[in-house]
């Protein structure tokens, strides 16, 4: 849990709601995934939506873009120790690896992704004991709302 600057505690659901709001910024052709990074005090450092299609960049996943922006404002270079990454969808291998390498303290996500998820579904990158950093993970937060956003997007693409 995080704390807002004025004191109230941010729940994991609040953080995923912020990620849902970030997902709304995805372009019409981008899968609506949103990610928000909060510092250890619960202050928002950065947010992003998927932008692979918009940027023509295969690495422009919401998590990667949010981690880059958060690292730029966090003040400890690339290390995001104590930070929480909230995302609407279980991260893929690339994003799971990036959050481990960035030393993110917690990951909170909404919908599980059985086809490409790397935080327990297909792989479990973040809990691999061979790595020097393993964040705390909580999945399935506001799962129905997050999954509905994706279902709606893919229905509209058919």
N, C-alpha and C. Protein backbone atom coordinates (compact mmCIF):
# COMPACT_ATOMS: atom_id res chain seq x y z
N UNK A 1 0.83 -1.19 0.00
CA UNK A 1 0.00 0.00 0.00
C UNK A 1 0.87 1.24 0.00
N UNK A 2 0.37 2.27 -0.62
CA UNK A 2 1.09 3.54 -0.66
C UNK A 2 0.32 4.59 0.11
N UNK A 3 0.94 5.74 0.28
CA UNK A 3 0.31 6.84 1.00
C UNK A 3 0.30 8.06 0.08
N UNK A 4 -0.85 8.69 -0.03
CA UNK A 4 -0.93 9.93 -0.80
C UNK A 4 -0.23 11.04 -0.02
N UNK A 5 0.22 12.10 -0.69
CA UNK A 5 0.92 13.17 0.01
C UNK A 5 0.13 13.74 1.17
N UNK A 6 -1.21 13.73 1.10
CA UNK A 6 -1.99 14.29 2.20
C UNK A 6 -2.34 13.25 3.26
N UNK A 7 -1.84 12.03 3.12
CA UNK A 7 -1.98 11.07 4.19
C UNK A 7 -2.78 9.81 3.96
N UNK A 8 -3.90 9.81 3.19
CA UNK A 8 -4.69 8.58 3.09
C UNK A 8 -3.91 7.46 2.40
N UNK A 9 -4.21 6.25 2.79
CA UNK A 9 -3.51 5.10 2.22
C UNK A 9 -4.11 4.75 0.87
N UNK A 10 -3.23 4.49 -0.09
CA UNK A 10 -3.66 4.00 -1.40
C UNK A 10 -3.75 2.49 -1.33
N UNK A 11 -4.88 1.95 -1.68
CA UNK A 11 -5.02 0.50 -1.72
C UNK A 11 -4.48 -0.01 -3.05
N UNK A 12 -4.29 -1.31 -3.13
CA UNK A 12 -3.88 -1.90 -4.39
C UNK A 12 -4.93 -1.64 -5.46
N UNK A 13 -6.20 -1.67 -5.08
CA UNK A 13 -7.28 -1.38 -6.02
C UNK A 13 -7.19 0.06 -6.52
N UNK A 14 -6.85 1.00 -5.65
CA UNK A 14 -6.66 2.40 -6.07
C UNK A 14 -5.55 2.50 -7.11
N UNK A 15 -4.49 1.77 -6.88
CA UNK A 15 -3.36 1.81 -7.81
C UNK A 15 -3.75 1.23 -9.17
N UNK A 16 -4.50 0.13 -9.17
CA UNK A 16 -4.92 -0.47 -10.44
C UNK A 16 -5.95 0.43 -11.12
N UNK A 17 -6.78 1.13 -10.34
CA UNK A 17 -7.70 2.11 -10.95
C UNK A 17 -6.92 3.20 -11.69
N UNK A 18 -5.81 3.62 -11.10
CA UNK A 18 -4.96 4.61 -11.77
C UNK A 18 -4.41 4.03 -13.07
N UNK A 19 -4.04 2.75 -13.04
CA UNK A 19 -3.54 2.09 -14.26
C UNK A 19 -4.66 1.98 -15.30
N UNK A 20 -5.88 1.71 -14.87
CA UNK A 20 -7.02 1.69 -15.80
C UNK A 20 -7.21 3.05 -16.45
N UNK A 21 -7.07 4.11 -15.67
CA UNK A 21 -7.18 5.47 -16.22
C UNK A 21 -6.06 5.72 -17.22
N UNK A 22 -4.85 5.23 -16.93
CA UNK A 22 -3.73 5.39 -17.85
C UNK A 22 -3.99 4.64 -19.15
N UNK A 23 -4.63 3.49 -19.07
CA UNK A 23 -4.92 2.68 -20.26
C UNK A 23 -5.80 3.43 -21.25
N UNK A 24 -6.62 4.35 -20.75
CA UNK A 24 -7.51 5.12 -21.61
C UNK A 24 -6.75 5.98 -22.61
N UNK A 25 -5.48 6.22 -22.35
CA UNK A 25 -4.68 7.06 -23.25
C UNK A 25 -4.09 6.28 -24.42
N UNK A 26 -4.31 4.96 -24.44
CA UNK A 26 -3.80 4.16 -25.56
C UNK A 26 -4.49 4.58 -26.85
N UNK A 27 -3.74 4.59 -27.92
CA UNK A 27 -4.32 4.93 -29.22
C UNK A 27 -5.31 3.86 -29.67
N UNK A 28 -6.08 4.16 -30.70
CA UNK A 28 -7.12 3.26 -31.19
C UNK A 28 -6.58 1.90 -31.61
N UNK A 29 -5.35 1.84 -32.09
CA UNK A 29 -4.78 0.58 -32.56
C UNK A 29 -3.96 -0.14 -31.50
N UNK A 30 -3.65 0.53 -30.40
CA UNK A 30 -2.86 -0.08 -29.33
C UNK A 30 -3.75 -0.79 -28.32
N UNK A 31 -3.30 -1.95 -27.87
CA UNK A 31 -4.02 -2.70 -26.83
C UNK A 31 -4.04 -1.81 -25.59
N UNK A 32 -5.24 -1.58 -25.01
CA UNK A 32 -5.35 -0.65 -23.88
C UNK A 32 -4.84 -1.23 -22.55
N UNK A 33 -3.54 -1.17 -22.39
CA UNK A 33 -2.89 -1.56 -21.14
C UNK A 33 -2.31 -0.30 -20.54
N UNK A 34 -2.52 -0.11 -19.24
CA UNK A 34 -1.98 1.05 -18.56
C UNK A 34 -1.09 0.65 -17.40
N UNK A 35 -0.10 1.48 -17.12
CA UNK A 35 0.83 1.23 -16.01
C UNK A 35 1.12 2.53 -15.30
N UNK A 36 1.23 2.44 -13.97
CA UNK A 36 1.56 3.61 -13.15
C UNK A 36 2.60 3.18 -12.12
N UNK A 37 3.62 4.02 -11.94
CA UNK A 37 4.64 3.77 -10.94
C UNK A 37 4.44 4.75 -9.79
N UNK A 38 4.39 4.19 -8.58
CA UNK A 38 4.26 4.98 -7.36
C UNK A 38 5.53 4.83 -6.55
N UNK A 39 5.95 5.91 -5.88
CA UNK A 39 7.12 5.80 -5.01
C UNK A 39 6.71 5.17 -3.69
N UNK A 40 7.65 4.99 -2.79
CA UNK A 40 7.37 4.30 -1.53
C UNK A 40 6.39 5.07 -0.64
N UNK A 41 6.22 6.37 -0.90
CA UNK A 41 5.25 7.16 -0.14
C UNK A 41 3.88 7.19 -0.82
N UNK A 42 3.76 6.49 -1.96
CA UNK A 42 2.49 6.44 -2.65
C UNK A 42 2.26 7.56 -3.64
N UNK A 43 3.28 8.38 -3.88
CA UNK A 43 3.15 9.45 -4.87
C UNK A 43 3.37 8.89 -6.26
N UNK A 44 2.55 9.33 -7.18
CA UNK A 44 2.70 8.88 -8.56
C UNK A 44 3.95 9.49 -9.17
N UNK A 45 4.80 8.63 -9.72
CA UNK A 45 6.01 9.08 -10.40
C UNK A 45 5.79 9.19 -11.90
N UNK A 46 5.06 8.24 -12.47
CA UNK A 46 4.87 8.22 -13.92
C UNK A 46 3.73 7.29 -14.27
N UNK A 47 3.15 7.54 -15.45
CA UNK A 47 2.12 6.65 -15.98
C UNK A 47 2.28 6.58 -17.48
N UNK A 48 1.77 5.50 -18.05
CA UNK A 48 1.85 5.33 -19.50
C UNK A 48 0.82 4.31 -19.95
N UNK A 49 0.52 4.37 -21.23
CA UNK A 49 -0.32 3.38 -21.89
C UNK A 49 0.51 2.72 -22.98
N UNK A 50 0.10 1.54 -23.40
CA UNK A 50 0.76 0.89 -24.53
C UNK A 50 0.82 1.85 -25.70
N UNK A 51 1.95 1.86 -26.40
CA UNK A 51 2.11 2.74 -27.55
C UNK A 51 2.95 2.09 -28.65
N UNK A 52 2.90 0.76 -28.75
CA UNK A 52 3.68 0.07 -29.79
C UNK A 52 3.28 0.51 -31.18
N UNK A 53 1.98 0.55 -31.44
CA UNK A 53 1.50 0.96 -32.76
C UNK A 53 1.75 2.45 -32.98
N UNK A 54 1.44 3.25 -31.99
CA UNK A 54 1.59 4.71 -32.12
C UNK A 54 3.05 5.11 -32.36
N UNK A 55 3.99 4.42 -31.71
CA UNK A 55 5.40 4.77 -31.82
C UNK A 55 6.17 3.89 -32.80
N UNK A 56 5.53 2.81 -33.26
CA UNK A 56 6.25 1.88 -34.12
C UNK A 56 7.43 1.25 -33.40
N UNK A 57 7.25 0.97 -32.12
CA UNK A 57 8.34 0.49 -31.26
C UNK A 57 7.87 -0.77 -30.54
N UNK A 58 8.49 -1.91 -30.80
CA UNK A 58 8.06 -3.15 -30.16
C UNK A 58 8.26 -3.16 -28.65
N UNK A 59 9.08 -2.26 -28.12
CA UNK A 59 9.30 -2.22 -26.67
C UNK A 59 8.40 -1.20 -25.97
N UNK A 60 7.53 -0.54 -26.69
CA UNK A 60 6.70 0.53 -26.11
C UNK A 60 5.48 -0.02 -25.38
N UNK A 61 5.73 -0.98 -24.49
CA UNK A 61 4.68 -1.48 -23.61
C UNK A 61 4.47 -0.45 -22.50
N UNK A 62 3.28 -0.43 -21.94
CA UNK A 62 2.96 0.55 -20.89
C UNK A 62 3.97 0.48 -19.74
N UNK A 63 4.33 -0.73 -19.33
CA UNK A 63 5.24 -0.87 -18.20
C UNK A 63 6.61 -0.27 -18.50
N UNK A 64 7.14 -0.55 -19.69
CA UNK A 64 8.47 -0.05 -20.06
C UNK A 64 8.46 1.48 -20.10
N UNK A 65 7.43 2.05 -20.74
CA UNK A 65 7.35 3.51 -20.83
C UNK A 65 7.22 4.14 -19.45
N UNK A 66 6.39 3.55 -18.58
CA UNK A 66 6.22 4.10 -17.22
C UNK A 66 7.51 3.96 -16.41
N UNK A 67 8.20 2.82 -16.53
CA UNK A 67 9.46 2.63 -15.80
C UNK A 67 10.51 3.64 -16.26
N UNK A 68 10.60 3.87 -17.56
CA UNK A 68 11.57 4.85 -18.07
C UNK A 68 11.28 6.24 -17.50
N UNK A 69 10.01 6.63 -17.55
CA UNK A 69 9.64 7.96 -17.05
C UNK A 69 9.87 8.08 -15.55
N UNK A 70 9.52 7.02 -14.81
CA UNK A 70 9.71 7.04 -13.36
C UNK A 70 11.18 7.14 -13.00
N UNK A 71 12.03 6.40 -13.71
CA UNK A 71 13.48 6.44 -13.44
C UNK A 71 14.03 7.84 -13.69
N UNK A 72 13.47 8.54 -14.66
CA UNK A 72 13.94 9.88 -14.99
C UNK A 72 13.61 10.90 -13.90
N UNK A 73 12.55 10.65 -13.12
CA UNK A 73 12.15 11.62 -12.09
C UNK A 73 12.42 11.14 -10.67
N UNK A 74 12.77 9.88 -10.51
CA UNK A 74 12.89 9.30 -9.17
C UNK A 74 14.09 9.81 -8.39
N UNK A 75 15.18 10.10 -9.06
CA UNK A 75 16.32 10.67 -8.34
C UNK A 75 17.40 9.69 -7.97
N UNK A 76 17.23 8.38 -8.24
CA UNK A 76 18.27 7.41 -7.95
C UNK A 76 18.66 6.69 -9.24
N UNK A 77 18.79 7.45 -10.30
CA UNK A 77 19.13 6.83 -11.58
C UNK A 77 18.06 5.86 -12.01
N UNK A 78 18.47 4.66 -12.34
CA UNK A 78 17.54 3.66 -12.85
C UNK A 78 16.90 2.81 -11.76
N UNK A 79 17.36 2.92 -10.54
CA UNK A 79 16.85 2.08 -9.45
C UNK A 79 15.52 2.64 -8.93
N UNK A 80 14.51 1.77 -8.89
CA UNK A 80 13.19 2.17 -8.38
C UNK A 80 12.86 1.38 -7.12
N UNK A 81 13.86 1.26 -6.25
CA UNK A 81 13.68 0.52 -4.99
C UNK A 81 12.57 1.15 -4.18
N UNK A 82 11.70 0.33 -3.66
CA UNK A 82 10.59 0.80 -2.84
C UNK A 82 9.38 1.22 -3.64
N UNK A 83 9.52 1.27 -4.97
CA UNK A 83 8.41 1.69 -5.82
C UNK A 83 7.44 0.53 -6.06
N UNK A 84 6.21 0.90 -6.41
CA UNK A 84 5.20 -0.07 -6.80
C UNK A 84 4.81 0.21 -8.24
N UNK A 85 4.79 -0.83 -9.05
CA UNK A 85 4.30 -0.74 -10.42
C UNK A 85 2.92 -1.35 -10.43
N UNK A 86 1.92 -0.56 -10.82
CA UNK A 86 0.55 -1.05 -10.97
C UNK A 86 0.25 -1.11 -12.46
N UNK A 87 -0.27 -2.23 -12.91
CA UNK A 87 -0.54 -2.41 -14.33
C UNK A 87 -1.84 -3.20 -14.51
N UNK A 88 -2.53 -2.96 -15.60
CA UNK A 88 -3.82 -3.58 -15.82
C UNK A 88 -3.72 -5.04 -16.26
N UNK A 89 -2.57 -5.45 -16.78
CA UNK A 89 -2.40 -6.80 -17.31
C UNK A 89 -1.10 -7.40 -16.81
N UNK A 90 -1.11 -8.68 -16.52
CA UNK A 90 0.10 -9.39 -16.10
C UNK A 90 1.23 -9.10 -17.09
N UNK A 91 2.38 -8.65 -16.62
CA UNK A 91 3.48 -8.32 -17.51
C UNK A 91 4.01 -9.52 -18.31
N UNK A 92 4.50 -9.20 -19.51
CA UNK A 92 5.15 -10.19 -20.36
C UNK A 92 6.59 -10.39 -19.86
N UNK A 93 7.32 -11.24 -20.55
CA UNK A 93 8.71 -11.52 -20.15
C UNK A 93 9.58 -10.27 -20.16
N UNK A 94 9.46 -9.47 -21.22
CA UNK A 94 10.27 -8.25 -21.31
C UNK A 94 9.98 -7.32 -20.13
N UNK A 95 8.70 -7.09 -19.87
CA UNK A 95 8.32 -6.15 -18.82
C UNK A 95 8.64 -6.69 -17.43
N UNK A 96 8.45 -7.99 -17.23
CA UNK A 96 8.80 -8.60 -15.95
C UNK A 96 10.30 -8.49 -15.70
N UNK A 97 11.10 -8.74 -16.74
CA UNK A 97 12.54 -8.59 -16.61
C UNK A 97 12.94 -7.17 -16.31
N UNK A 98 12.29 -6.22 -16.97
CA UNK A 98 12.61 -4.80 -16.74
C UNK A 98 12.29 -4.37 -15.32
N UNK A 99 11.17 -4.82 -14.78
CA UNK A 99 10.84 -4.38 -13.42
C UNK A 99 11.76 -5.03 -12.40
N UNK A 100 12.23 -6.23 -12.68
CA UNK A 100 13.23 -6.86 -11.80
C UNK A 100 14.54 -6.07 -11.87
N UNK A 101 14.98 -5.76 -13.09
CA UNK A 101 16.24 -5.03 -13.25
C UNK A 101 16.18 -3.62 -12.68
N UNK A 102 14.98 -3.02 -12.66
CA UNK A 102 14.81 -1.68 -12.09
C UNK A 102 14.67 -1.73 -10.57
N UNK A 103 14.63 -2.92 -10.00
CA UNK A 103 14.53 -3.10 -8.55
C UNK A 103 13.20 -2.60 -7.97
N UNK A 104 12.12 -2.70 -8.76
CA UNK A 104 10.79 -2.32 -8.28
C UNK A 104 10.46 -3.19 -7.07
N UNK A 105 9.94 -2.58 -6.03
CA UNK A 105 9.64 -3.31 -4.80
C UNK A 105 8.39 -4.16 -4.84
N UNK A 106 7.36 -3.63 -5.52
CA UNK A 106 6.08 -4.34 -5.58
C UNK A 106 5.50 -4.23 -6.98
N UNK A 107 4.80 -5.28 -7.37
CA UNK A 107 4.03 -5.30 -8.61
C UNK A 107 2.60 -5.63 -8.25
N UNK A 108 1.67 -4.82 -8.72
CA UNK A 108 0.24 -5.07 -8.53
C UNK A 108 -0.38 -5.05 -9.91
N UNK A 109 -1.07 -6.12 -10.28
CA UNK A 109 -1.67 -6.11 -11.62
C UNK A 109 -3.09 -6.65 -11.58
N UNK A 110 -3.81 -6.36 -12.66
CA UNK A 110 -5.22 -6.72 -12.77
C UNK A 110 -5.44 -8.09 -13.39
N UNK A 111 -5.58 -8.14 -14.70
CA UNK A 111 -5.93 -9.37 -15.40
C UNK A 111 -4.72 -10.27 -15.60
N UNK A 112 -4.95 -11.56 -15.49
CA UNK A 112 -3.92 -12.55 -15.79
C UNK A 112 -3.85 -12.71 -17.31
N UNK A 113 -2.66 -13.05 -17.82
CA UNK A 113 -2.46 -13.23 -19.26
C UNK A 113 -1.88 -14.62 -19.51
N UNK A 114 -2.76 -15.62 -19.72
CA UNK A 114 -2.28 -17.00 -19.85
C UNK A 114 -1.42 -17.27 -21.08
N UNK A 115 -1.48 -16.41 -22.10
CA UNK A 115 -0.71 -16.65 -23.33
C UNK A 115 0.71 -16.13 -23.25
N UNK A 116 0.92 -15.00 -22.55
CA UNK A 116 2.27 -14.40 -22.52
C UNK A 116 2.69 -13.94 -21.12
N UNK A 117 1.89 -14.16 -20.12
CA UNK A 117 2.19 -13.67 -18.77
C UNK A 117 3.44 -14.28 -18.18
N UNK A 118 4.29 -13.42 -17.62
CA UNK A 118 5.56 -13.88 -17.06
C UNK A 118 5.66 -13.62 -15.56
N UNK A 119 4.49 -13.58 -14.91
CA UNK A 119 4.46 -13.38 -13.45
C UNK A 119 3.57 -14.48 -12.83
N UNK A 120 3.66 -15.67 -13.42
CA UNK A 120 2.94 -16.80 -12.86
C UNK A 120 2.11 -17.59 -13.85
N UNK A 121 1.67 -16.98 -14.94
CA UNK A 121 0.81 -17.70 -15.88
C UNK A 121 1.61 -18.65 -16.77
N UNK A 122 2.40 -18.11 -17.66
CA UNK A 122 3.21 -18.93 -18.57
C UNK A 122 4.61 -19.14 -18.00
N UNK A 123 5.19 -18.07 -17.51
CA UNK A 123 6.49 -18.10 -16.83
C UNK A 123 6.34 -17.38 -15.49
N UNK A 124 7.41 -17.42 -14.69
CA UNK A 124 7.40 -16.67 -13.44
C UNK A 124 8.77 -16.02 -13.24
N UNK A 125 9.04 -15.06 -14.10
CA UNK A 125 10.32 -14.37 -14.11
C UNK A 125 10.60 -13.70 -12.77
N UNK A 126 9.61 -13.05 -12.19
CA UNK A 126 9.85 -12.22 -11.00
C UNK A 126 10.15 -13.03 -9.74
N UNK A 127 9.85 -14.30 -9.74
CA UNK A 127 10.11 -15.12 -8.55
C UNK A 127 11.26 -16.11 -8.75
N UNK A 128 11.99 -15.97 -9.84
CA UNK A 128 13.10 -16.87 -10.12
C UNK A 128 14.19 -16.65 -9.07
N UNK A 129 14.48 -17.68 -8.30
CA UNK A 129 15.44 -17.56 -7.20
C UNK A 129 16.87 -17.30 -7.66
N UNK A 130 17.13 -17.48 -8.95
CA UNK A 130 18.48 -17.23 -9.48
C UNK A 130 18.75 -15.74 -9.66
N UNK A 131 17.70 -14.93 -9.63
CA UNK A 131 17.86 -13.48 -9.81
C UNK A 131 18.17 -12.82 -8.48
N UNK A 132 18.82 -11.67 -8.53
CA UNK A 132 19.23 -10.99 -7.29
C UNK A 132 18.14 -10.09 -6.73
N UNK A 133 17.02 -9.97 -7.42
CA UNK A 133 15.91 -9.15 -6.91
C UNK A 133 14.60 -9.83 -7.25
N UNK A 134 13.72 -9.91 -6.25
CA UNK A 134 12.40 -10.49 -6.45
C UNK A 134 11.36 -9.59 -5.78
N UNK A 135 10.57 -8.89 -6.58
CA UNK A 135 9.56 -8.00 -6.00
C UNK A 135 8.40 -8.77 -5.40
N UNK A 136 7.72 -8.14 -4.49
CA UNK A 136 6.45 -8.67 -3.98
C UNK A 136 5.44 -8.54 -5.11
N UNK A 137 4.55 -9.54 -5.25
CA UNK A 137 3.59 -9.53 -6.35
C UNK A 137 2.18 -9.80 -5.83
N UNK A 138 1.23 -9.03 -6.38
CA UNK A 138 -0.18 -9.30 -6.13
C UNK A 138 -0.91 -9.17 -7.46
N UNK A 139 -1.48 -10.26 -7.92
CA UNK A 139 -2.21 -10.27 -9.17
C UNK A 139 -3.70 -10.43 -8.95
N UNK A 140 -4.46 -10.15 -9.99
CA UNK A 140 -5.91 -10.33 -9.94
C UNK A 140 -6.66 -9.20 -9.28
N UNK A 141 -6.03 -8.04 -9.10
CA UNK A 141 -6.68 -6.89 -8.47
C UNK A 141 -7.56 -6.21 -9.52
N UNK A 142 -8.84 -6.09 -9.25
CA UNK A 142 -9.82 -5.55 -10.21
C UNK A 142 -9.74 -6.32 -11.53
N UNK A 143 -9.55 -7.61 -11.41
CA UNK A 143 -9.36 -8.47 -12.58
C UNK A 143 -10.49 -8.34 -13.60
N UNK A 144 -11.73 -8.35 -13.14
CA UNK A 144 -12.86 -8.28 -14.07
C UNK A 144 -12.88 -6.99 -14.87
N UNK A 145 -12.63 -5.86 -14.21
CA UNK A 145 -12.61 -4.57 -14.91
C UNK A 145 -11.48 -4.51 -15.93
N UNK A 146 -10.33 -5.02 -15.54
CA UNK A 146 -9.17 -5.00 -16.44
C UNK A 146 -9.39 -5.92 -17.64
N UNK A 147 -9.94 -7.10 -17.39
CA UNK A 147 -10.20 -8.05 -18.47
C UNK A 147 -11.28 -7.51 -19.41
N UNK A 148 -12.28 -6.83 -18.87
CA UNK A 148 -13.37 -6.28 -19.69
C UNK A 148 -12.84 -5.24 -20.67
N UNK A 149 -11.90 -4.44 -20.24
CA UNK A 149 -11.30 -3.43 -21.11
C UNK A 149 -10.63 -4.10 -22.32
N UNK A 150 -9.92 -5.18 -22.06
CA UNK A 150 -9.25 -5.91 -23.14
C UNK A 150 -10.25 -6.62 -24.04
N UNK A 151 -11.26 -7.25 -23.43
CA UNK A 151 -12.29 -7.94 -24.22
C UNK A 151 -12.98 -6.98 -25.17
N UNK A 152 -13.31 -5.80 -24.67
CA UNK A 152 -13.98 -4.78 -25.49
C UNK A 152 -13.09 -4.37 -26.67
N UNK A 153 -11.82 -4.16 -26.40
CA UNK A 153 -10.88 -3.77 -27.45
C UNK A 153 -10.81 -4.83 -28.54
N UNK A 154 -10.62 -6.10 -28.15
CA UNK A 154 -10.46 -7.14 -29.15
C UNK A 154 -11.75 -7.43 -29.90
N UNK A 155 -12.89 -7.28 -29.25
CA UNK A 155 -14.18 -7.39 -29.95
C UNK A 155 -14.31 -6.33 -31.03
N UNK A 156 -13.86 -5.13 -30.72
CA UNK A 156 -13.97 -4.02 -31.69
C UNK A 156 -13.01 -4.19 -32.86
N UNK A 157 -11.98 -5.01 -32.70
CA UNK A 157 -11.00 -5.23 -33.76
C UNK A 157 -11.46 -6.26 -34.79
N UNK A 158 -12.50 -7.01 -34.45
CA UNK A 158 -12.96 -8.08 -35.35
C UNK A 158 -13.84 -7.56 -36.42
